[in-house]
Amino acid sequence: MSEAFHVRLATPADADMIARHRARMFRDMGDVPPELFDEFRAKAKVAIEKMLARGEYVGWLASPDSAPDNIIGGAGLQLQRALPRPFTSL
Protein backbone atom coordinates (compact mmCIF):
# COMPACT_ATOMS: atom_id res chain seq x y z
CA MET A 1 0.00 0.00 0.00
CA SER A 2 1.42 3.41 -0.91
CA GLU A 3 1.55 6.33 1.49
CA ALA A 4 -0.38 9.51 0.69
CA PHE A 5 1.51 12.79 0.86
CA HIS A 6 0.68 16.39 1.59
CA VAL A 7 2.47 19.33 -0.05
CA ARG A 8 2.20 22.80 1.45
CA LEU A 9 3.71 26.23 0.97
CA ALA A 10 6.63 27.08 3.21
CA THR A 11 6.24 29.93 5.70
CA PRO A 12 8.84 32.04 7.54
CA ALA A 13 8.41 29.60 10.46
CA ASP A 14 10.00 26.92 8.23
CA ALA A 15 13.18 28.95 7.64
CA ASP A 16 15.33 27.02 10.13
CA MET A 17 14.45 23.64 8.63
CA ILE A 18 14.97 24.90 5.06
CA ALA A 19 18.31 26.45 6.04
CA ARG A 20 19.42 23.18 7.65
CA HIS A 21 18.54 21.25 4.48
CA ARG A 22 20.32 23.86 2.33
CA ALA A 23 23.44 23.75 4.50
CA ARG A 24 23.47 19.94 4.34
CA MET A 25 23.19 20.05 0.56
CA PHE A 26 26.23 22.33 0.28
CA ARG A 27 28.11 20.29 2.87
CA ASP A 28 27.42 17.10 0.92
CA MET A 29 28.70 18.77 -2.27
CA GLY A 30 31.90 19.72 -0.44
CA ASP A 31 31.21 23.47 -0.55
CA VAL A 32 30.74 23.96 3.22
CA PRO A 33 33.40 22.45 5.49
CA PRO A 34 32.18 20.98 8.79
CA GLU A 35 33.63 23.83 10.87
CA LEU A 36 31.56 26.40 8.92
CA PHE A 37 28.31 24.41 8.78
CA ASP A 38 26.58 26.09 11.76
CA GLU A 39 27.60 29.59 10.69
CA PHE A 40 26.35 29.01 7.13
CA ARG A 41 23.09 27.49 8.38
CA ALA A 42 22.46 30.46 10.69
CA LYS A 43 23.08 33.01 7.92
CA ALA A 44 20.87 31.06 5.53
CA LYS A 45 18.06 30.94 8.12
CA VAL A 46 18.00 34.72 8.52
CA ALA A 47 18.01 35.27 4.75
CA ILE A 48 15.37 32.61 4.02
CA GLU A 49 13.07 33.90 6.76
CA LYS A 50 13.20 37.44 5.35
CA MET A 51 12.82 36.28 1.75
CA LEU A 52 9.81 34.09 2.57
CA ALA A 53 8.15 37.01 4.38
CA ARG A 54 8.75 39.36 1.42
CA GLY A 55 7.66 36.84 -1.21
CA GLU A 56 11.15 36.71 -2.75
CA TYR A 57 11.42 32.99 -2.04
CA VAL A 58 8.63 30.47 -2.54
CA GLY A 59 9.00 26.98 -1.16
CA TRP A 60 6.95 23.80 -1.01
CA LEU A 61 7.34 21.12 1.64
CA ALA A 62 6.13 17.52 1.43
CA SER A 63 5.22 15.23 4.31
CA PRO A 64 3.35 11.95 4.71
CA ASP A 65 -0.33 12.47 5.48
CA SER A 66 0.17 10.33 8.58
CA ALA A 67 3.02 12.56 9.88
CA PRO A 68 2.54 16.18 8.78
CA ASP A 69 5.48 17.43 10.88
CA ASN A 70 7.90 15.01 9.19
CA ILE A 71 9.18 16.94 6.17
CA ILE A 72 10.57 14.42 3.70
CA GLY A 73 11.18 16.66 0.71
CA GLY A 74 10.86 20.12 -0.64
CA ALA A 75 11.57 22.54 -3.44
CA GLY A 76 12.03 26.26 -3.61
CA LEU A 77 12.42 29.14 -6.01
CA GLN A 78 14.25 32.38 -5.45
CA LEU A 79 12.37 35.04 -7.40
CA GLN A 80 14.50 37.77 -8.96
CA ARG A 81 13.72 40.60 -11.30
CA ALA A 82 15.76 40.63 -14.47
CA LEU A 83 16.61 43.48 -16.76
CA PRO A 84 15.40 43.20 -20.35
CA ARG A 85 17.71 41.30 -22.70
CA PRO A 86 18.02 41.50 -26.45
CA PHE A 87 15.72 39.23 -28.43
CA THR A 88 13.26 38.64 -25.59
CA SER A 89 9.76 39.97 -25.36
CA LEU A 90 9.31 42.78 -22.87
PDB file of N, CA and C in Angstrom:
ATOM      1  N   MET A   1       0.851  -1.174   0.000  1.00  0.00           N
ATOM      2  CA  MET A   1       0.000   0.000   0.000  1.00  0.00           C
ATOM      3  C   MET A   1       0.898   1.238   0.000  1.00  0.00           C
ATOM      4  N   SER A   2       0.596   2.203  -0.847  1.00  0.00           N
ATOM      5  CA  SER A   2       1.418   3.409  -0.911  1.00  0.00           C
ATOM      6  C   SER A   2       0.907   4.451   0.075  1.00  0.00           C
ATOM      7  N   GLU A   3       1.827   5.246   0.540  1.00  0.00           N
ATOM      8  CA  GLU A   3       1.550   6.331   1.486  1.00  0.00           C
ATOM      9  C   GLU A   3       1.047   7.547   0.720  1.00  0.00           C
ATOM     10  N   ALA A   4       0.085   8.259   1.280  1.00  0.00           N
ATOM     11  CA  ALA A   4      -0.377   9.509   0.695  1.00  0.00           C
ATOM     12  C   ALA A   4       0.452  10.656   1.276  1.00  0.00           C
ATOM     13  N   PHE A   5       0.665  11.671   0.452  1.00  0.00           N
ATOM     14  CA  PHE A   5       1.507  12.790   0.859  1.00  0.00           C
ATOM     15  C   PHE A   5       0.744  14.103   0.794  1.00  0.00           C
ATOM     16  N   HIS A   6       1.244  15.045   1.563  1.00  0.00           N
ATOM     17  CA  HIS A   6       0.678  16.394   1.591  1.00  0.00           C
ATOM     18  C   HIS A   6       1.798  17.365   1.224  1.00  0.00           C
ATOM     19  N   VAL A   7       1.511  18.295   0.319  1.00  0.00           N
ATOM     20  CA  VAL A   7       2.473  19.333  -0.053  1.00  0.00           C
ATOM     21  C   VAL A   7       1.870  20.671   0.341  1.00  0.00           C
ATOM     22  N   ARG A   8       2.679  21.483   1.009  1.00  0.00           N
ATOM     23  CA  ARG A   8       2.197  22.801   1.453  1.00  0.00           C
ATOM     24  C   ARG A   8       3.241  23.858   1.155  1.00  0.00           C
ATOM     25  N   LEU A   9       2.791  25.111   1.142  1.00  0.00           N
ATOM     26  CA  LEU A   9       3.710  26.228   0.968  1.00  0.00           C
ATOM     27  C   LEU A   9       4.523  26.421   2.240  1.00  0.00           C
ATOM     28  N   ALA A  10       5.773  26.764   2.066  1.00  0.00           N
ATOM     29  CA  ALA A  10       6.633  27.080   3.207  1.00  0.00           C
ATOM     30  C   ALA A  10       6.266  28.459   3.747  1.00  0.00           C
ATOM     31  N   THR A  11       6.477  28.644   5.038  1.00  0.00           N
ATOM     32  CA  THR A  11       6.242  29.932   5.695  1.00  0.00           C
ATOM     33  C   THR A  11       7.551  30.359   6.369  1.00  0.00           C
ATOM     34  N   PRO A  12       7.632  31.614   6.826  1.00  0.00           N
ATOM     35  CA  PRO A  12       8.837  32.036   7.544  1.00  0.00           C
ATOM     36  C   PRO A  12       9.159  31.138   8.748  1.00  0.00           C
ATOM     37  N   ALA A  13       8.160  30.504   9.338  1.00  0.00           N
ATOM     38  CA  ALA A  13       8.406  29.596  10.459  1.00  0.00           C
ATOM     39  C   ALA A  13       9.203  28.359  10.043  1.00  0.00           C
ATOM     40  N   ASP A  14       9.258  28.068   8.747  1.00  0.00           N
ATOM     41  CA  ASP A  14      10.004  26.917   8.232  1.00  0.00           C
ATOM     42  C   ASP A  14      11.454  27.255   7.893  1.00  0.00           C
ATOM     43  N   ALA A  15      11.865  28.490   8.083  1.00  0.00           N
ATOM     44  CA  ALA A  15      13.184  28.946   7.644  1.00  0.00           C
ATOM     45  C   ALA A  15      14.327  28.126   8.242  1.00  0.00           C
ATOM     46  N   ASP A  16      14.245  27.773   9.509  1.00  0.00           N
ATOM     47  CA  ASP A  16      15.332  27.020  10.132  1.00  0.00           C
ATOM     48  C   ASP A  16      15.496  25.646   9.481  1.00  0.00           C
ATOM     49  N   MET A  17      14.396  24.973   9.240  1.00  0.00           N
ATOM     50  CA  MET A  17      14.449  23.644   8.633  1.00  0.00           C
ATOM     51  C   MET A  17      14.961  23.728   7.193  1.00  0.00           C
ATOM     52  N   ILE A  18      14.510  24.720   6.443  1.00  0.00           N
ATOM     53  CA  ILE A  18      14.966  24.895   5.062  1.00  0.00           C
ATOM     54  C   ILE A  18      16.461  25.224   5.049  1.00  0.00           C
ATOM     55  N   ALA A  19      16.890  26.092   5.955  1.00  0.00           N
ATOM     56  CA  ALA A  19      18.307  26.450   6.040  1.00  0.00           C
ATOM     57  C   ALA A  19      19.164  25.239   6.389  1.00  0.00           C
ATOM     58  N   ARG A  20      18.679  24.396   7.265  1.00  0.00           N
ATOM     59  CA  ARG A  20      19.416  23.179   7.646  1.00  0.00           C
ATOM     60  C   ARG A  20      19.561  22.252   6.432  1.00  0.00           C
ATOM     61  N   HIS A  21      18.477  22.081   5.676  1.00  0.00           N
ATOM     62  CA  HIS A  21      18.535  21.247   4.475  1.00  0.00           C
ATOM     63  C   HIS A  21      19.490  21.852   3.439  1.00  0.00           C
ATOM     64  N   ARG A  22      19.438  23.173   3.287  1.00  0.00           N
ATOM     65  CA  ARG A  22      20.318  23.856   2.333  1.00  0.00           C
ATOM     66  C   ARG A  22      21.780  23.698   2.743  1.00  0.00           C
ATOM     67  N   ALA A  23      22.064  23.884   4.010  1.00  0.00           N
ATOM     68  CA  ALA A  23      23.440  23.749   4.495  1.00  0.00           C
ATOM     69  C   ALA A  23      23.938  22.317   4.305  1.00  0.00           C
ATOM     70  N   ARG A  24      23.077  21.339   4.556  1.00  0.00           N
ATOM     71  CA  ARG A  24      23.471  19.937   4.342  1.00  0.00           C
ATOM     72  C   ARG A  24      23.761  19.661   2.875  1.00  0.00           C
ATOM     73  N   MET A  25      22.958  20.246   1.985  1.00  0.00           N
ATOM     74  CA  MET A  25      23.187  20.051   0.561  1.00  0.00           C
ATOM     75  C   MET A  25      24.579  20.552   0.175  1.00  0.00           C
ATOM     76  N   PHE A  26      24.923  21.775   0.612  1.00  0.00           N
ATOM     77  CA  PHE A  26      26.226  22.334   0.275  1.00  0.00           C
ATOM     78  C   PHE A  26      27.356  21.586   0.981  1.00  0.00           C
ATOM     79  N   ARG A  27      27.108  21.110   2.183  1.00  0.00           N
ATOM     80  CA  ARG A  27      28.109  20.289   2.875  1.00  0.00           C
ATOM     81  C   ARG A  27      28.360  19.000   2.092  1.00  0.00           C
ATOM     82  N   ASP A  28      27.287  18.353   1.659  1.00  0.00           N
ATOM     83  CA  ASP A  28      27.415  17.096   0.924  1.00  0.00           C
ATOM     84  C   ASP A  28      28.117  17.285  -0.425  1.00  0.00           C
ATOM     85  N   MET A  29      28.015  18.484  -1.006  1.00  0.00           N
ATOM     86  CA  MET A  29      28.698  18.769  -2.270  1.00  0.00           C
ATOM     87  C   MET A  29      30.154  19.186  -2.037  1.00  0.00           C
ATOM     88  N   GLY A  30      30.531  19.327  -0.762  1.00  0.00           N
ATOM     89  CA  GLY A  30      31.897  19.717  -0.438  1.00  0.00           C
ATOM     90  C   GLY A  30      32.133  21.208  -0.434  1.00  0.00           C
ATOM     91  N   ASP A  31      31.069  22.016  -0.506  1.00  0.00           N
ATOM     92  CA  ASP A  31      31.212  23.468  -0.551  1.00  0.00           C
ATOM     93  C   ASP A  31      31.216  24.124   0.828  1.00  0.00           C
ATOM     94  N   VAL A  32      30.749  23.423   1.854  1.00  0.00           N
ATOM     95  CA  VAL A  32      30.743  23.961   3.220  1.00  0.00           C
ATOM     96  C   VAL A  32      31.478  22.966   4.113  1.00  0.00           C
ATOM     97  N   PRO A  33      32.669  23.351   4.596  1.00  0.00           N
ATOM     98  CA  PRO A  33      33.400  22.447   5.490  1.00  0.00           C
ATOM     99  C   PRO A  33      32.685  22.323   6.827  1.00  0.00           C
ATOM    100  N   PRO A  34      32.887  21.219   7.529  1.00  0.00           N
ATOM    101  CA  PRO A  34      32.179  20.976   8.793  1.00  0.00           C
ATOM    102  C   PRO A  34      32.295  22.129   9.798  1.00  0.00           C
ATOM    103  N   GLU A  35      33.445  22.763   9.867  1.00  0.00           N
ATOM    104  CA  GLU A  35      33.627  23.828  10.870  1.00  0.00           C
ATOM    105  C   GLU A  35      32.845  25.102  10.532  1.00  0.00           C
ATOM    106  N   LEU A  36      32.345  25.223   9.306  1.00  0.00           N
ATOM    107  CA  LEU A  36      31.558  26.397   8.918  1.00  0.00           C
ATOM    108  C   LEU A  36      30.072  26.089   8.759  1.00  0.00           C
ATOM    109  N   PHE A  37      29.691  24.837   8.988  1.00  0.00           N
ATOM    110  CA  PHE A  37      28.312  24.411   8.780  1.00  0.00           C
ATOM    111  C   PHE A  37      27.331  25.244   9.596  1.00  0.00           C
ATOM    112  N   ASP A  38      27.538  25.374  10.898  1.00  0.00           N
ATOM    113  CA  ASP A  38      26.581  26.090  11.757  1.00  0.00           C
ATOM    114  C   ASP A  38      26.486  27.566  11.406  1.00  0.00           C
ATOM    115  N   GLU A  39      27.615  28.170  11.067  1.00  0.00           N
ATOM    116  CA  GLU A  39      27.596  29.588  10.692  1.00  0.00           C
ATOM    117  C   GLU A  39      26.825  29.791   9.390  1.00  0.00           C
ATOM    118  N   PHE A  40      27.063  28.923   8.400  1.00  0.00           N
ATOM    119  CA  PHE A  40      26.347  29.014   7.130  1.00  0.00           C
ATOM    120  C   PHE A  40      24.852  28.786   7.326  1.00  0.00           C
ATOM    121  N   ARG A  41      24.501  27.780   8.117  1.00  0.00           N
ATOM    122  CA  ARG A  41      23.089  27.491   8.379  1.00  0.00           C
ATOM    123  C   ARG A  41      22.401  28.684   9.020  1.00  0.00           C
ATOM    124  N   ALA A  42      23.051  29.316   9.997  1.00  0.00           N
ATOM    125  CA  ALA A  42      22.459  30.462  10.692  1.00  0.00           C
ATOM    126  C   ALA A  42      22.248  31.637   9.738  1.00  0.00           C
ATOM    127  N   LYS A  43      23.223  31.914   8.889  1.00  0.00           N
ATOM    128  CA  LYS A  43      23.080  33.008   7.916  1.00  0.00           C
ATOM    129  C   LYS A  43      21.972  32.700   6.911  1.00  0.00           C
ATOM    130  N   ALA A  44      21.912  31.455   6.473  1.00  0.00           N
ATOM    131  CA  ALA A  44      20.871  31.059   5.527  1.00  0.00           C
ATOM    132  C   ALA A  44      19.485  31.198   6.157  1.00  0.00           C
ATOM    133  N   LYS A  45      19.357  30.841   7.432  1.00  0.00           N
ATOM    134  CA  LYS A  45      18.062  30.937   8.122  1.00  0.00           C
ATOM    135  C   LYS A  45      17.548  32.368   8.117  1.00  0.00           C
ATOM    136  N   VAL A  46      18.408  33.310   8.472  1.00  0.00           N
ATOM    137  CA  VAL A  46      18.003  34.716   8.516  1.00  0.00           C
ATOM    138  C   VAL A  46      17.554  35.177   7.128  1.00  0.00           C
ATOM    139  N   ALA A  47      18.344  34.845   6.108  1.00  0.00           N
ATOM    140  CA  ALA A  47      18.012  35.270   4.747  1.00  0.00           C
ATOM    141  C   ALA A  47      16.718  34.617   4.256  1.00  0.00           C
ATOM    142  N   ILE A  48      16.568  33.332   4.479  1.00  0.00           N
ATOM    143  CA  ILE A  48      15.372  32.612   4.019  1.00  0.00           C
ATOM    144  C   ILE A  48      14.124  33.134   4.713  1.00  0.00           C
ATOM    145  N   GLU A  49      14.208  33.374   6.000  1.00  0.00           N
ATOM    146  CA  GLU A  49      13.065  33.896   6.758  1.00  0.00           C
ATOM    147  C   GLU A  49      12.600  35.227   6.181  1.00  0.00           C
ATOM    148  N   LYS A  50      13.542  36.137   5.907  1.00  0.00           N
ATOM    149  CA  LYS A  50      13.197  37.442   5.347  1.00  0.00           C
ATOM    150  C   LYS A  50      12.633  37.299   3.935  1.00  0.00           C
ATOM    151  N   MET A  51      13.264  36.435   3.132  1.00  0.00           N
ATOM    152  CA  MET A  51      12.822  36.279   1.752  1.00  0.00           C
ATOM    153  C   MET A  51      11.442  35.635   1.660  1.00  0.00           C
ATOM    154  N   LEU A  52      11.149  34.683   2.531  1.00  0.00           N
ATOM    155  CA  LEU A  52       9.810  34.090   2.566  1.00  0.00           C
ATOM    156  C   LEU A  52       8.776  35.149   2.943  1.00  0.00           C
ATOM    157  N   ALA A  53       9.091  35.980   3.927  1.00  0.00           N
ATOM    158  CA  ALA A  53       8.152  37.006   4.384  1.00  0.00           C
ATOM    159  C   ALA A  53       7.885  38.045   3.297  1.00  0.00           C
ATOM    160  N   ARG A  54       8.897  38.349   2.474  1.00  0.00           N
ATOM    161  CA  ARG A  54       8.749  39.356   1.419  1.00  0.00           C
ATOM    162  C   ARG A  54       8.241  38.772   0.102  1.00  0.00           C
ATOM    163  N   GLY A  55       8.101  37.462   0.025  1.00  0.00           N
ATOM    164  CA  GLY A  55       7.659  36.835  -1.209  1.00  0.00           C
ATOM    165  C   GLY A  55       8.761  36.702  -2.243  1.00  0.00           C
ATOM    166  N   GLU A  56      10.022  36.844  -1.841  1.00  0.00           N
ATOM    167  CA  GLU A  56      11.153  36.707  -2.751  1.00  0.00           C
ATOM    168  C   GLU A  56      11.607  35.255  -2.875  1.00  0.00           C
ATOM    169  N   TYR A  57      11.126  34.420  -2.006  1.00  0.00           N
ATOM    170  CA  TYR A  57      11.416  32.985  -2.039  1.00  0.00           C
ATOM    171  C   TYR A  57      10.092  32.266  -1.833  1.00  0.00           C
ATOM    172  N   VAL A  58       9.836  31.276  -2.671  1.00  0.00           N
ATOM    173  CA  VAL A  58       8.630  30.468  -2.542  1.00  0.00           C
ATOM    174  C   VAL A  58       9.083  29.026  -2.408  1.00  0.00           C
ATOM    175  N   GLY A  59       8.605  28.356  -1.376  1.00  0.00           N
ATOM    176  CA  GLY A  59       8.999  26.976  -1.162  1.00  0.00           C
ATOM    177  C   GLY A  59       7.792  26.083  -0.927  1.00  0.00           C
ATOM    178  N   TRP A  60       7.962  24.816  -1.249  1.00  0.00           N
ATOM    179  CA  TRP A  60       6.948  23.804  -1.014  1.00  0.00           C
ATOM    180  C   TRP A  60       7.574  22.685  -0.208  1.00  0.00           C
ATOM    181  N   LEU A  61       6.850  22.181   0.767  1.00  0.00           N
ATOM    182  CA  LEU A  61       7.344  21.122   1.639  1.00  0.00           C
ATOM    183  C   LEU A  61       6.387  19.941   1.580  1.00  0.00           C
ATOM    184  N   ALA A  62       6.944  18.744   1.515  1.00  0.00           N
ATOM    185  CA  ALA A  62       6.134  17.524   1.432  1.00  0.00           C
ATOM    186  C   ALA A  62       6.300  16.700   2.695  1.00  0.00           C
ATOM    187  N   SER A  63       5.199  16.109   3.136  1.00  0.00           N
ATOM    188  CA  SER A  63       5.215  15.235   4.311  1.00  0.00           C
ATOM    189  C   SER A  63       4.180  14.128   4.106  1.00  0.00           C
ATOM    190  N   PRO A  64       4.379  12.995   4.780  1.00  0.00           N
ATOM    191  CA  PRO A  64       3.351  11.954   4.715  1.00  0.00           C
ATOM    192  C   PRO A  64       2.073  12.467   5.387  1.00  0.00           C
ATOM    193  N   ASP A  65       0.932  12.078   4.852  1.00  0.00           N
ATOM    194  CA  ASP A  65      -0.334  12.473   5.484  1.00  0.00           C
ATOM    195  C   ASP A  65      -0.396  12.021   6.939  1.00  0.00           C
ATOM    196  N   SER A  66       0.226  10.879   7.219  1.00  0.00           N
ATOM    197  CA  SER A  66       0.172  10.333   8.579  1.00  0.00           C
ATOM    198  C   SER A  66       1.126  11.030   9.548  1.00  0.00           C
ATOM    199  N   ALA A  67       2.046  11.871   9.030  1.00  0.00           N
ATOM    200  CA  ALA A  67       3.021  12.562   9.884  1.00  0.00           C
ATOM    201  C   ALA A  67       3.322  13.938   9.303  1.00  0.00           C
ATOM    202  N   PRO A  68       2.386  14.882   9.436  1.00  0.00           N
ATOM    203  CA  PRO A  68       2.538  16.178   8.783  1.00  0.00           C
ATOM    204  C   PRO A  68       3.749  16.993   9.245  1.00  0.00           C
ATOM    205  N   ASP A  69       4.298  16.704  10.400  1.00  0.00           N
ATOM    206  CA  ASP A  69       5.477  17.429  10.880  1.00  0.00           C
ATOM    207  C   ASP A  69       6.791  16.818  10.392  1.00  0.00           C
ATOM    208  N   ASN A  70       6.712  15.699   9.694  1.00  0.00           N
ATOM    209  CA  ASN A  70       7.897  15.008   9.189  1.00  0.00           C
ATOM    210  C   ASN A  70       8.128  15.415   7.731  1.00  0.00           C
ATOM    211  N   ILE A  71       8.913  16.459   7.525  1.00  0.00           N
ATOM    212  CA  ILE A  71       9.184  16.945   6.174  1.00  0.00           C
ATOM    213  C   ILE A  71      10.155  15.978   5.505  1.00  0.00           C
ATOM    214  N   ILE A  72       9.731  15.418   4.378  1.00  0.00           N
ATOM    215  CA  ILE A  72      10.568  14.423   3.698  1.00  0.00           C
ATOM    216  C   ILE A  72      11.107  14.931   2.363  1.00  0.00           C
ATOM    217  N   GLY A  73      10.682  16.102   1.954  1.00  0.00           N
ATOM    218  CA  GLY A  73      11.175  16.665   0.709  1.00  0.00           C
ATOM    219  C   GLY A  73      10.680  18.076   0.519  1.00  0.00           C
ATOM    220  N   GLY A  74      11.289  18.765  -0.382  1.00  0.00           N
ATOM    221  CA  GLY A  74      10.863  20.125  -0.640  1.00  0.00           C
ATOM    222  C   GLY A  74      11.511  20.673  -1.892  1.00  0.00           C
ATOM    223  N   ALA A  75      11.030  21.824  -2.292  1.00  0.00           N
ATOM    224  CA  ALA A  75      11.573  22.542  -3.438  1.00  0.00           C
ATOM    225  C   ALA A  75      11.359  24.016  -3.188  1.00  0.00           C
ATOM    226  N   GLY A  76      12.184  24.824  -3.787  1.00  0.00           N
ATOM    227  CA  GLY A  76      12.026  26.257  -3.608  1.00  0.00           C
ATOM    228  C   GLY A  76      12.540  27.031  -4.799  1.00  0.00           C
ATOM    229  N   LEU A  77      12.016  28.234  -4.937  1.00  0.00           N
ATOM    230  CA  LEU A  77      12.418  29.143  -6.005  1.00  0.00           C
ATOM    231  C   LEU A  77      12.754  30.490  -5.416  1.00  0.00           C
ATOM    232  N   GLN A  78      13.898  31.021  -5.814  1.00  0.00           N
ATOM    233  CA  GLN A  78      14.252  32.379  -5.451  1.00  0.00           C
ATOM    234  C   GLN A  78      13.821  33.259  -6.610  1.00  0.00           C
ATOM    235  N   LEU A  79      12.905  34.179  -6.353  1.00  0.00           N
ATOM    236  CA  LEU A  79      12.374  35.036  -7.400  1.00  0.00           C
ATOM    237  C   LEU A  79      13.237  36.286  -7.510  1.00  0.00           C
ATOM    238  N   GLN A  80      13.668  36.591  -8.725  1.00  0.00           N
ATOM    239  CA  GLN A  80      14.498  37.766  -8.957  1.00  0.00           C
ATOM    240  C   GLN A  80      14.004  38.496 -10.200  1.00  0.00           C
ATOM    241  N   ARG A  81      14.032  39.811 -10.120  1.00  0.00           N
ATOM    242  CA  ARG A  81      13.722  40.602 -11.304  1.00  0.00           C
ATOM    243  C   ARG A  81      14.936  40.563 -12.222  1.00  0.00           C
ATOM    244  N   ALA A  82      14.680  40.611 -13.493  1.00  0.00           N
ATOM    245  CA  ALA A  82      15.764  40.628 -14.467  1.00  0.00           C
ATOM    246  C   ALA A  82      15.568  41.804 -15.412  1.00  0.00           C
ATOM    247  N   LEU A  83      16.666  42.402 -15.785  1.00  0.00           N
ATOM    248  CA  LEU A  83      16.614  43.481 -16.763  1.00  0.00           C
ATOM    249  C   LEU A  83      16.292  42.894 -18.129  1.00  0.00           C
ATOM    250  N   PRO A  84      15.676  43.694 -19.003  1.00  0.00           N
ATOM    251  CA  PRO A  84      15.401  43.198 -20.352  1.00  0.00           C
ATOM    252  C   PRO A  84      16.699  42.789 -21.055  1.00  0.00           C
ATOM    253  N   ARG A  85      16.583  41.788 -21.918  1.00  0.00           N
ATOM    254  CA  ARG A  85      17.712  41.299 -22.698  1.00  0.00           C
ATOM    255  C   ARG A  85      17.351  41.378 -24.166  1.00  0.00           C
ATOM    256  N   PRO A  86      18.344  41.468 -25.019  1.00  0.00           N
ATOM    257  CA  PRO A  86      18.024  41.503 -26.451  1.00  0.00           C
ATOM    258  C   PRO A  86      17.296  40.223 -26.876  1.00  0.00           C
ATOM    259  N   PHE A  87      16.430  40.352 -27.814  1.00  0.00           N
ATOM    260  CA  PHE A  87      15.723  39.226 -28.430  1.00  0.00           C
ATOM    261  C   PHE A  87      14.749  38.531 -27.501  1.00  0.00           C
ATOM    262  N   THR A  88      14.316  39.203 -26.445  1.00  0.00           N
ATOM    263  CA  THR A  88      13.259  38.637 -25.590  1.00  0.00           C
ATOM    264  C   THR A  88      12.091  39.602 -25.607  1.00  0.00           C
ATOM    265  N   SER A  89      10.935  39.091 -25.399  1.00  0.00           N
ATOM    266  CA  SER A  89       9.761  39.974 -25.363  1.00  0.00           C
ATOM    267  C   SER A  89       9.747  40.719 -24.036  1.00  0.00           C
ATOM    268  N   LEU A  90       9.332  41.946 -24.085  1.00  0.00           N
ATOM    269  CA  LEU A  90       9.311  42.776 -22.867  1.00  0.00           C
ATOM    270  C   LEU A  90       7.991  42.738 -22.234  1.00  0.00           C
TER     271      LEU A  90
END
